[in-house]
Amino acid sequence: MRCILMLLLVLPLCGCTAAPPIGAAETPAVTASPAATTPMPPAPLDESLAMLYLLAASTWQDIYDENYTLSFDVISGTMTEENTALKTKTVYRISVDDGKLFVWAEESGERKQLPFTLEDEVLTIDYGDPLGVITYAVAGKMP
């Protein structure tokens, strides 16, 4: 509170007041250009962000191993791989772009680019060698 009072006392001394300078009324008003006043159309939702929201809407379960699940968190930008039978959990920083999942494991520093598809509540991720393509379904809705 004291700082605010001090600022209020000091600002008029240095000419930093909210009052217009002398002769300001004589200067012509600045007019906005037509381009500046034309409202911009709303930008479409970024497809990458929309895809990340779709991934985060469910927990994904490996269709061949029900102990293995994936979950996504939009806010923290992470993907969590969990194997409940082995009690292992790995968290990756992720981004999604153009049908690819970019993952980075903080512990190992490992970075991967994983092609994926999401159709009809089925997520397929191509992990490359040696795992290959793994198919996930929404947990509790196994095919």
N, C-alpha and C. Protein backbone atom coordinates (compact mmCIF):
# COMPACT_ATOMS: atom_id res chain seq x y z
N MET A 1 0.83 -1.18 0.00
CA MET A 1 0.00 0.00 0.00
C MET A 1 0.88 1.25 0.00
N ARG A 2 1.95 1.22 0.77
CA ARG A 2 2.85 2.37 0.82
C ARG A 2 3.47 2.64 -0.54
N CYS A 3 3.80 1.56 -1.27
CA CYS A 3 4.40 1.71 -2.60
C CYS A 3 3.45 2.42 -3.54
N ILE A 4 2.18 2.07 -3.47
CA ILE A 4 1.20 2.70 -4.35
C ILE A 4 1.07 4.18 -4.02
N LEU A 5 1.03 4.50 -2.73
CA LEU A 5 0.94 5.90 -2.33
C LEU A 5 2.16 6.68 -2.77
N MET A 6 3.34 6.06 -2.66
CA MET A 6 4.57 6.73 -3.08
C MET A 6 4.53 6.99 -4.59
N LEU A 7 4.06 6.02 -5.36
CA LEU A 7 3.96 6.20 -6.81
C LEU A 7 3.01 7.34 -7.15
N LEU A 8 1.90 7.42 -6.44
CA LEU A 8 0.94 8.50 -6.70
C LEU A 8 1.54 9.86 -6.40
N LEU A 9 2.43 9.91 -5.42
CA LEU A 9 3.07 11.18 -5.08
C LEU A 9 4.20 11.52 -6.05
N VAL A 10 4.92 10.51 -6.55
CA VAL A 10 6.09 10.74 -7.39
C VAL A 10 5.72 10.94 -8.86
N LEU A 11 4.71 10.27 -9.36
CA LEU A 11 4.35 10.35 -10.78
C LEU A 11 4.10 11.79 -11.26
N PRO A 12 3.38 12.62 -10.52
CA PRO A 12 3.18 14.00 -11.01
C PRO A 12 4.49 14.78 -11.10
N LEU A 13 5.47 14.45 -10.26
CA LEU A 13 6.73 15.17 -10.28
C LEU A 13 7.54 14.87 -11.53
N CYS A 14 7.41 13.66 -12.07
CA CYS A 14 8.20 13.32 -13.25
C CYS A 14 7.41 13.49 -14.55
N GLY A 15 6.20 14.01 -14.46
CA GLY A 15 5.39 14.23 -15.65
C GLY A 15 4.72 12.97 -16.14
N CYS A 16 4.63 11.96 -15.31
CA CYS A 16 4.02 10.68 -15.69
C CYS A 16 2.60 10.59 -15.16
N THR A 17 1.77 11.51 -15.49
CA THR A 17 0.40 11.49 -15.00
C THR A 17 -0.52 10.96 -16.07
N ALA A 18 -1.72 10.65 -15.66
CA ALA A 18 -2.71 10.16 -16.60
C ALA A 18 -3.36 11.32 -17.35
N ALA A 19 -3.15 12.55 -16.92
CA ALA A 19 -3.75 13.71 -17.58
C ALA A 19 -3.06 13.94 -18.91
N PRO A 20 -3.81 14.36 -19.94
CA PRO A 20 -3.19 14.61 -21.24
C PRO A 20 -2.24 15.80 -21.16
N PRO A 21 -1.19 15.79 -21.95
CA PRO A 21 -0.26 16.91 -21.93
C PRO A 21 -0.93 18.17 -22.46
N ILE A 22 -0.35 19.29 -22.13
CA ILE A 22 -0.89 20.57 -22.56
C ILE A 22 -0.90 20.61 -24.08
N GLY A 23 -2.02 21.04 -24.64
CA GLY A 23 -2.14 21.14 -26.08
C GLY A 23 -2.57 19.84 -26.74
N ALA A 24 -2.88 18.83 -25.95
CA ALA A 24 -3.27 17.55 -26.53
C ALA A 24 -4.60 17.64 -27.24
N ALA A 25 -5.47 18.54 -26.78
CA ALA A 25 -6.78 18.68 -27.40
C ALA A 25 -6.64 19.26 -28.81
N GLU A 26 -5.52 19.94 -29.10
CA GLU A 26 -5.33 20.55 -30.40
C GLU A 26 -4.84 19.56 -31.45
N THR A 27 -4.33 18.39 -31.03
CA THR A 27 -3.82 17.43 -32.00
C THR A 27 -4.98 16.68 -32.63
N PRO A 28 -4.89 16.38 -33.93
CA PRO A 28 -6.00 15.68 -34.57
C PRO A 28 -6.15 14.26 -34.03
N ALA A 29 -7.36 13.80 -34.00
CA ALA A 29 -7.63 12.45 -33.52
C ALA A 29 -7.12 11.44 -34.55
N VAL A 30 -6.60 10.36 -34.06
CA VAL A 30 -6.11 9.31 -34.94
C VAL A 30 -7.30 8.47 -35.36
N THR A 31 -7.44 8.27 -36.65
CA THR A 31 -8.56 7.46 -37.14
C THR A 31 -8.05 6.06 -37.45
N ALA A 32 -8.87 5.11 -37.16
CA ALA A 32 -8.50 3.72 -37.42
C ALA A 32 -8.70 3.42 -38.90
N SER A 33 -7.81 2.65 -39.44
CA SER A 33 -7.95 2.27 -40.84
C SER A 33 -9.08 1.25 -40.96
N PRO A 34 -9.70 1.15 -42.14
CA PRO A 34 -10.80 0.19 -42.30
C PRO A 34 -10.37 -1.24 -41.99
N ALA A 35 -9.14 -1.60 -42.29
CA ALA A 35 -8.68 -2.96 -42.02
C ALA A 35 -8.64 -3.24 -40.52
N ALA A 36 -8.32 -2.22 -39.73
CA ALA A 36 -8.23 -2.41 -38.29
C ALA A 36 -9.60 -2.56 -37.65
N THR A 37 -10.63 -1.97 -38.25
CA THR A 37 -11.96 -2.05 -37.65
C THR A 37 -12.75 -3.24 -38.15
N THR A 38 -12.31 -3.86 -39.22
CA THR A 38 -13.02 -5.03 -39.74
C THR A 38 -12.74 -6.21 -38.84
N PRO A 39 -13.80 -6.84 -38.30
CA PRO A 39 -13.54 -7.98 -37.41
C PRO A 39 -12.94 -9.14 -38.18
N MET A 40 -12.01 -9.81 -37.53
CA MET A 40 -11.36 -10.97 -38.14
C MET A 40 -12.26 -12.19 -37.93
N PRO A 41 -12.36 -13.05 -38.92
CA PRO A 41 -13.14 -14.28 -38.71
C PRO A 41 -12.44 -15.14 -37.67
N PRO A 42 -13.21 -15.88 -36.89
CA PRO A 42 -12.56 -16.72 -35.87
C PRO A 42 -11.68 -17.77 -36.53
N ALA A 43 -10.53 -17.97 -35.93
CA ALA A 43 -9.59 -18.96 -36.47
C ALA A 43 -10.13 -20.36 -36.18
N PRO A 44 -9.97 -21.29 -37.12
CA PRO A 44 -10.44 -22.65 -36.85
C PRO A 44 -9.59 -23.28 -35.75
N LEU A 45 -10.22 -24.17 -35.01
CA LEU A 45 -9.50 -24.86 -33.95
C LEU A 45 -8.35 -25.63 -34.57
N ASP A 46 -7.19 -25.46 -34.02
CA ASP A 46 -6.01 -26.15 -34.52
C ASP A 46 -6.26 -27.66 -34.53
N GLU A 47 -6.04 -28.29 -35.66
CA GLU A 47 -6.30 -29.72 -35.80
C GLU A 47 -5.47 -30.56 -34.83
N SER A 48 -4.24 -30.14 -34.58
CA SER A 48 -3.38 -30.89 -33.67
C SER A 48 -3.94 -30.86 -32.26
N LEU A 49 -4.40 -29.68 -31.84
CA LEU A 49 -4.97 -29.56 -30.50
C LEU A 49 -6.27 -30.34 -30.40
N ALA A 50 -7.08 -30.29 -31.45
CA ALA A 50 -8.33 -31.05 -31.46
C ALA A 50 -8.05 -32.55 -31.34
N MET A 51 -7.04 -33.03 -32.05
CA MET A 51 -6.68 -34.45 -31.98
C MET A 51 -6.20 -34.81 -30.58
N LEU A 52 -5.43 -33.93 -29.96
CA LEU A 52 -4.95 -34.19 -28.61
C LEU A 52 -6.12 -34.27 -27.63
N TYR A 53 -7.12 -33.42 -27.81
CA TYR A 53 -8.32 -33.49 -26.96
C TYR A 53 -9.06 -34.81 -27.17
N LEU A 54 -9.13 -35.29 -28.41
CA LEU A 54 -9.77 -36.58 -28.66
C LEU A 54 -9.02 -37.72 -27.99
N LEU A 55 -7.70 -37.66 -28.05
CA LEU A 55 -6.89 -38.70 -27.40
C LEU A 55 -7.05 -38.66 -25.88
N ALA A 56 -7.15 -37.46 -25.33
CA ALA A 56 -7.25 -37.30 -23.88
C ALA A 56 -8.64 -37.62 -23.34
N ALA A 57 -9.62 -37.74 -24.21
CA ALA A 57 -10.99 -37.98 -23.76
C ALA A 57 -11.19 -39.37 -23.18
N SER A 58 -10.26 -40.28 -23.43
CA SER A 58 -10.41 -41.66 -22.97
C SER A 58 -9.09 -42.22 -22.48
N THR A 59 -9.19 -43.29 -21.72
CA THR A 59 -8.02 -44.11 -21.41
C THR A 59 -8.01 -45.22 -22.45
N TRP A 60 -6.84 -45.47 -23.01
CA TRP A 60 -6.71 -46.43 -24.11
C TRP A 60 -6.08 -47.71 -23.60
N GLN A 61 -6.67 -48.85 -23.96
CA GLN A 61 -6.20 -50.14 -23.49
C GLN A 61 -5.76 -50.99 -24.68
N ASP A 62 -4.59 -51.60 -24.55
CA ASP A 62 -4.08 -52.49 -25.59
C ASP A 62 -5.09 -53.63 -25.80
N ILE A 63 -5.47 -53.88 -27.05
CA ILE A 63 -6.51 -54.90 -27.28
C ILE A 63 -6.01 -56.32 -27.03
N TYR A 64 -4.68 -56.52 -26.99
CA TYR A 64 -4.13 -57.85 -26.75
C TYR A 64 -3.63 -58.03 -25.32
N ASP A 65 -3.38 -56.96 -24.61
CA ASP A 65 -2.88 -57.03 -23.23
C ASP A 65 -3.63 -55.99 -22.41
N GLU A 66 -4.65 -56.43 -21.70
CA GLU A 66 -5.51 -55.50 -20.96
C GLU A 66 -4.80 -54.80 -19.80
N ASN A 67 -3.61 -55.25 -19.44
CA ASN A 67 -2.84 -54.60 -18.38
C ASN A 67 -2.10 -53.36 -18.86
N TYR A 68 -2.04 -53.19 -20.17
CA TYR A 68 -1.26 -52.10 -20.75
C TYR A 68 -2.20 -50.98 -21.20
N THR A 69 -2.04 -49.77 -20.64
CA THR A 69 -2.93 -48.65 -20.97
C THR A 69 -2.13 -47.40 -21.31
N LEU A 70 -2.77 -46.53 -22.07
CA LEU A 70 -2.25 -45.21 -22.40
C LEU A 70 -3.26 -44.18 -21.95
N SER A 71 -2.78 -43.07 -21.43
CA SER A 71 -3.66 -41.93 -21.14
C SER A 71 -2.92 -40.67 -21.56
N PHE A 72 -3.69 -39.67 -21.96
CA PHE A 72 -3.15 -38.41 -22.45
C PHE A 72 -3.66 -37.28 -21.59
N ASP A 73 -2.81 -36.29 -21.35
CA ASP A 73 -3.20 -35.11 -20.58
C ASP A 73 -2.90 -33.87 -21.42
N VAL A 74 -3.96 -33.16 -21.80
CA VAL A 74 -3.81 -31.99 -22.66
C VAL A 74 -3.07 -30.87 -21.94
N ILE A 75 -3.43 -30.64 -20.69
CA ILE A 75 -2.87 -29.50 -19.95
C ILE A 75 -1.37 -29.63 -19.76
N SER A 76 -0.92 -30.82 -19.36
CA SER A 76 0.51 -30.99 -19.13
C SER A 76 1.24 -31.43 -20.40
N GLY A 77 0.49 -31.77 -21.45
CA GLY A 77 1.12 -32.20 -22.70
C GLY A 77 1.88 -33.50 -22.54
N THR A 78 1.23 -34.47 -21.87
CA THR A 78 1.91 -35.74 -21.60
C THR A 78 1.08 -36.94 -22.04
N MET A 79 1.79 -38.03 -22.28
CA MET A 79 1.19 -39.34 -22.51
C MET A 79 1.78 -40.26 -21.45
N THR A 80 0.93 -41.02 -20.78
CA THR A 80 1.39 -41.95 -19.76
C THR A 80 1.13 -43.38 -20.22
N GLU A 81 2.20 -44.17 -20.31
CA GLU A 81 2.11 -45.60 -20.59
C GLU A 81 2.17 -46.32 -19.25
N GLU A 82 1.21 -47.21 -19.03
CA GLU A 82 1.18 -47.90 -17.75
C GLU A 82 0.91 -49.39 -17.97
N ASN A 83 1.70 -50.22 -17.29
CA ASN A 83 1.48 -51.66 -17.29
C ASN A 83 1.14 -52.02 -15.85
N THR A 84 -0.14 -52.28 -15.60
CA THR A 84 -0.58 -52.54 -14.23
C THR A 84 -0.05 -53.86 -13.69
N ALA A 85 0.15 -54.86 -14.54
CA ALA A 85 0.67 -56.16 -14.08
C ALA A 85 2.11 -56.03 -13.59
N LEU A 86 2.92 -55.27 -14.34
CA LEU A 86 4.32 -55.08 -13.96
C LEU A 86 4.54 -53.88 -13.04
N LYS A 87 3.47 -53.12 -12.83
CA LYS A 87 3.52 -51.90 -12.01
C LYS A 87 4.57 -50.92 -12.53
N THR A 88 4.56 -50.74 -13.86
CA THR A 88 5.47 -49.76 -14.47
C THR A 88 4.66 -48.62 -15.05
N LYS A 89 5.28 -47.46 -15.06
CA LYS A 89 4.62 -46.27 -15.58
C LYS A 89 5.69 -45.38 -16.19
N THR A 90 5.47 -44.97 -17.44
CA THR A 90 6.40 -44.06 -18.11
C THR A 90 5.61 -42.87 -18.62
N VAL A 91 6.11 -41.68 -18.33
CA VAL A 91 5.44 -40.45 -18.77
C VAL A 91 6.29 -39.80 -19.85
N TYR A 92 5.65 -39.47 -20.96
CA TYR A 92 6.31 -38.82 -22.09
C TYR A 92 5.73 -37.44 -22.29
N ARG A 93 6.56 -36.48 -22.63
CA ARG A 93 6.09 -35.19 -23.13
C ARG A 93 5.70 -35.43 -24.58
N ILE A 94 4.59 -34.85 -25.02
CA ILE A 94 4.13 -35.14 -26.37
C ILE A 94 3.65 -33.90 -27.11
N SER A 95 3.62 -34.03 -28.41
CA SER A 95 2.90 -33.09 -29.27
C SER A 95 2.34 -33.91 -30.42
N VAL A 96 1.29 -33.40 -31.04
CA VAL A 96 0.63 -34.10 -32.13
C VAL A 96 0.66 -33.19 -33.34
N ASP A 97 1.07 -33.75 -34.49
CA ASP A 97 1.07 -32.95 -35.71
C ASP A 97 0.99 -33.87 -36.92
N ASP A 98 0.04 -33.59 -37.79
CA ASP A 98 -0.07 -34.25 -39.09
C ASP A 98 -0.03 -35.78 -38.99
N GLY A 99 -0.84 -36.34 -38.08
CA GLY A 99 -0.92 -37.79 -37.97
C GLY A 99 0.28 -38.44 -37.32
N LYS A 100 1.09 -37.65 -36.65
CA LYS A 100 2.26 -38.20 -35.96
C LYS A 100 2.24 -37.74 -34.51
N LEU A 101 2.65 -38.63 -33.66
CA LEU A 101 2.78 -38.35 -32.24
C LEU A 101 4.26 -38.18 -31.96
N PHE A 102 4.65 -37.03 -31.47
CA PHE A 102 6.05 -36.78 -31.13
C PHE A 102 6.18 -36.96 -29.63
N VAL A 103 7.00 -37.93 -29.21
CA VAL A 103 7.14 -38.25 -27.79
C VAL A 103 8.58 -38.06 -27.34
N TRP A 104 8.72 -37.67 -26.08
CA TRP A 104 10.04 -37.46 -25.50
C TRP A 104 10.00 -37.96 -24.06
N ALA A 105 10.82 -38.96 -23.76
CA ALA A 105 10.91 -39.50 -22.41
C ALA A 105 11.95 -38.68 -21.64
N GLU A 106 11.50 -38.01 -20.59
CA GLU A 106 12.40 -37.15 -19.83
C GLU A 106 13.51 -37.93 -19.14
N GLU A 107 13.19 -39.13 -18.64
CA GLU A 107 14.19 -39.91 -17.90
C GLU A 107 15.35 -40.32 -18.79
N SER A 108 15.03 -40.84 -19.98
CA SER A 108 16.08 -41.36 -20.85
C SER A 108 16.51 -40.37 -21.93
N GLY A 109 15.72 -39.34 -22.15
CA GLY A 109 16.02 -38.38 -23.21
C GLY A 109 15.65 -38.91 -24.58
N GLU A 110 15.03 -40.09 -24.62
CA GLU A 110 14.64 -40.73 -25.88
C GLU A 110 13.54 -39.92 -26.57
N ARG A 111 13.72 -39.69 -27.88
CA ARG A 111 12.73 -38.97 -28.68
C ARG A 111 12.28 -39.87 -29.82
N LYS A 112 10.96 -39.87 -30.07
CA LYS A 112 10.41 -40.70 -31.14
C LYS A 112 9.35 -39.92 -31.91
N GLN A 113 9.17 -40.32 -33.14
CA GLN A 113 8.10 -39.81 -33.99
C GLN A 113 7.27 -41.02 -34.37
N LEU A 114 6.02 -41.08 -33.87
CA LEU A 114 5.20 -42.27 -34.04
C LEU A 114 3.97 -41.98 -34.88
N PRO A 115 3.86 -42.55 -36.08
CA PRO A 115 2.63 -42.39 -36.86
C PRO A 115 1.46 -43.08 -36.14
N PHE A 116 0.28 -42.46 -36.19
CA PHE A 116 -0.88 -43.06 -35.53
C PHE A 116 -2.15 -42.75 -36.31
N THR A 117 -3.19 -43.53 -36.03
CA THR A 117 -4.53 -43.25 -36.57
C THR A 117 -5.53 -43.42 -35.44
N LEU A 118 -6.61 -42.68 -35.54
CA LEU A 118 -7.70 -42.76 -34.57
C LEU A 118 -9.00 -42.79 -35.35
N GLU A 119 -9.65 -43.95 -35.34
CA GLU A 119 -10.91 -44.12 -36.07
C GLU A 119 -11.84 -45.01 -35.27
N ASP A 120 -13.08 -44.59 -35.13
CA ASP A 120 -14.12 -45.40 -34.47
C ASP A 120 -13.67 -45.93 -33.12
N GLU A 121 -13.13 -45.06 -32.29
CA GLU A 121 -12.68 -45.40 -30.94
C GLU A 121 -11.60 -46.48 -30.91
N VAL A 122 -10.83 -46.55 -31.99
CA VAL A 122 -9.69 -47.45 -32.07
C VAL A 122 -8.46 -46.62 -32.42
N LEU A 123 -7.44 -46.71 -31.59
CA LEU A 123 -6.20 -45.98 -31.76
C LEU A 123 -5.11 -46.97 -32.15
N THR A 124 -4.43 -46.72 -33.26
CA THR A 124 -3.29 -47.55 -33.65
C THR A 124 -2.05 -46.67 -33.68
N ILE A 125 -0.99 -47.15 -33.08
CA ILE A 125 0.28 -46.42 -33.04
C ILE A 125 1.37 -47.33 -33.58
N ASP A 126 2.14 -46.82 -34.53
CA ASP A 126 3.26 -47.56 -35.11
C ASP A 126 4.52 -47.21 -34.33
N TYR A 127 4.96 -48.12 -33.47
CA TYR A 127 6.14 -47.90 -32.64
C TYR A 127 7.43 -48.23 -33.37
N GLY A 128 7.34 -48.75 -34.58
CA GLY A 128 8.55 -49.15 -35.30
C GLY A 128 9.09 -50.45 -34.74
N ASP A 129 10.34 -50.77 -35.11
CA ASP A 129 10.95 -52.01 -34.62
C ASP A 129 11.33 -51.85 -33.16
N PRO A 130 11.21 -52.80 -32.33
CA PRO A 130 10.73 -54.16 -32.54
C PRO A 130 9.23 -54.33 -32.26
N LEU A 131 8.55 -53.30 -31.74
CA LEU A 131 7.14 -53.46 -31.34
C LEU A 131 6.16 -53.51 -32.50
N GLY A 132 6.39 -52.70 -33.51
CA GLY A 132 5.46 -52.64 -34.63
C GLY A 132 4.22 -51.83 -34.28
N VAL A 133 3.10 -52.15 -34.92
CA VAL A 133 1.85 -51.43 -34.72
C VAL A 133 1.09 -52.06 -33.55
N ILE A 134 0.69 -51.21 -32.60
CA ILE A 134 -0.11 -51.67 -31.46
C ILE A 134 -1.46 -50.98 -31.56
N THR A 135 -2.51 -51.77 -31.33
CA THR A 135 -3.88 -51.26 -31.43
C THR A 135 -4.46 -51.14 -30.03
N TYR A 136 -5.09 -49.99 -29.78
CA TYR A 136 -5.72 -49.69 -28.50
C TYR A 136 -7.19 -49.40 -28.75
N ALA A 137 -8.01 -49.73 -27.75
CA ALA A 137 -9.42 -49.36 -27.79
C ALA A 137 -9.72 -48.60 -26.50
N VAL A 138 -10.84 -47.90 -26.50
CA VAL A 138 -11.24 -47.19 -25.30
C VAL A 138 -11.40 -48.22 -24.18
N ALA A 139 -10.78 -47.96 -23.03
CA ALA A 139 -10.84 -48.90 -21.92
C ALA A 139 -12.29 -49.21 -21.57
N GLY A 140 -12.59 -50.50 -21.43
CA GLY A 140 -13.95 -50.92 -21.14
C GLY A 140 -14.78 -51.17 -22.37
N LYS A 141 -14.28 -50.82 -23.55
CA LYS A 141 -15.00 -51.04 -24.81
C LYS A 141 -14.15 -51.85 -25.77
N MET A 142 -13.61 -52.91 -25.28
CA MET A 142 -12.73 -53.74 -26.12
C MET A 142 -13.53 -54.39 -27.24
N PRO A 143 -12.94 -54.47 -28.46
CA PRO A 143 -13.67 -55.08 -29.59
C PRO A 143 -13.83 -56.58 -29.43
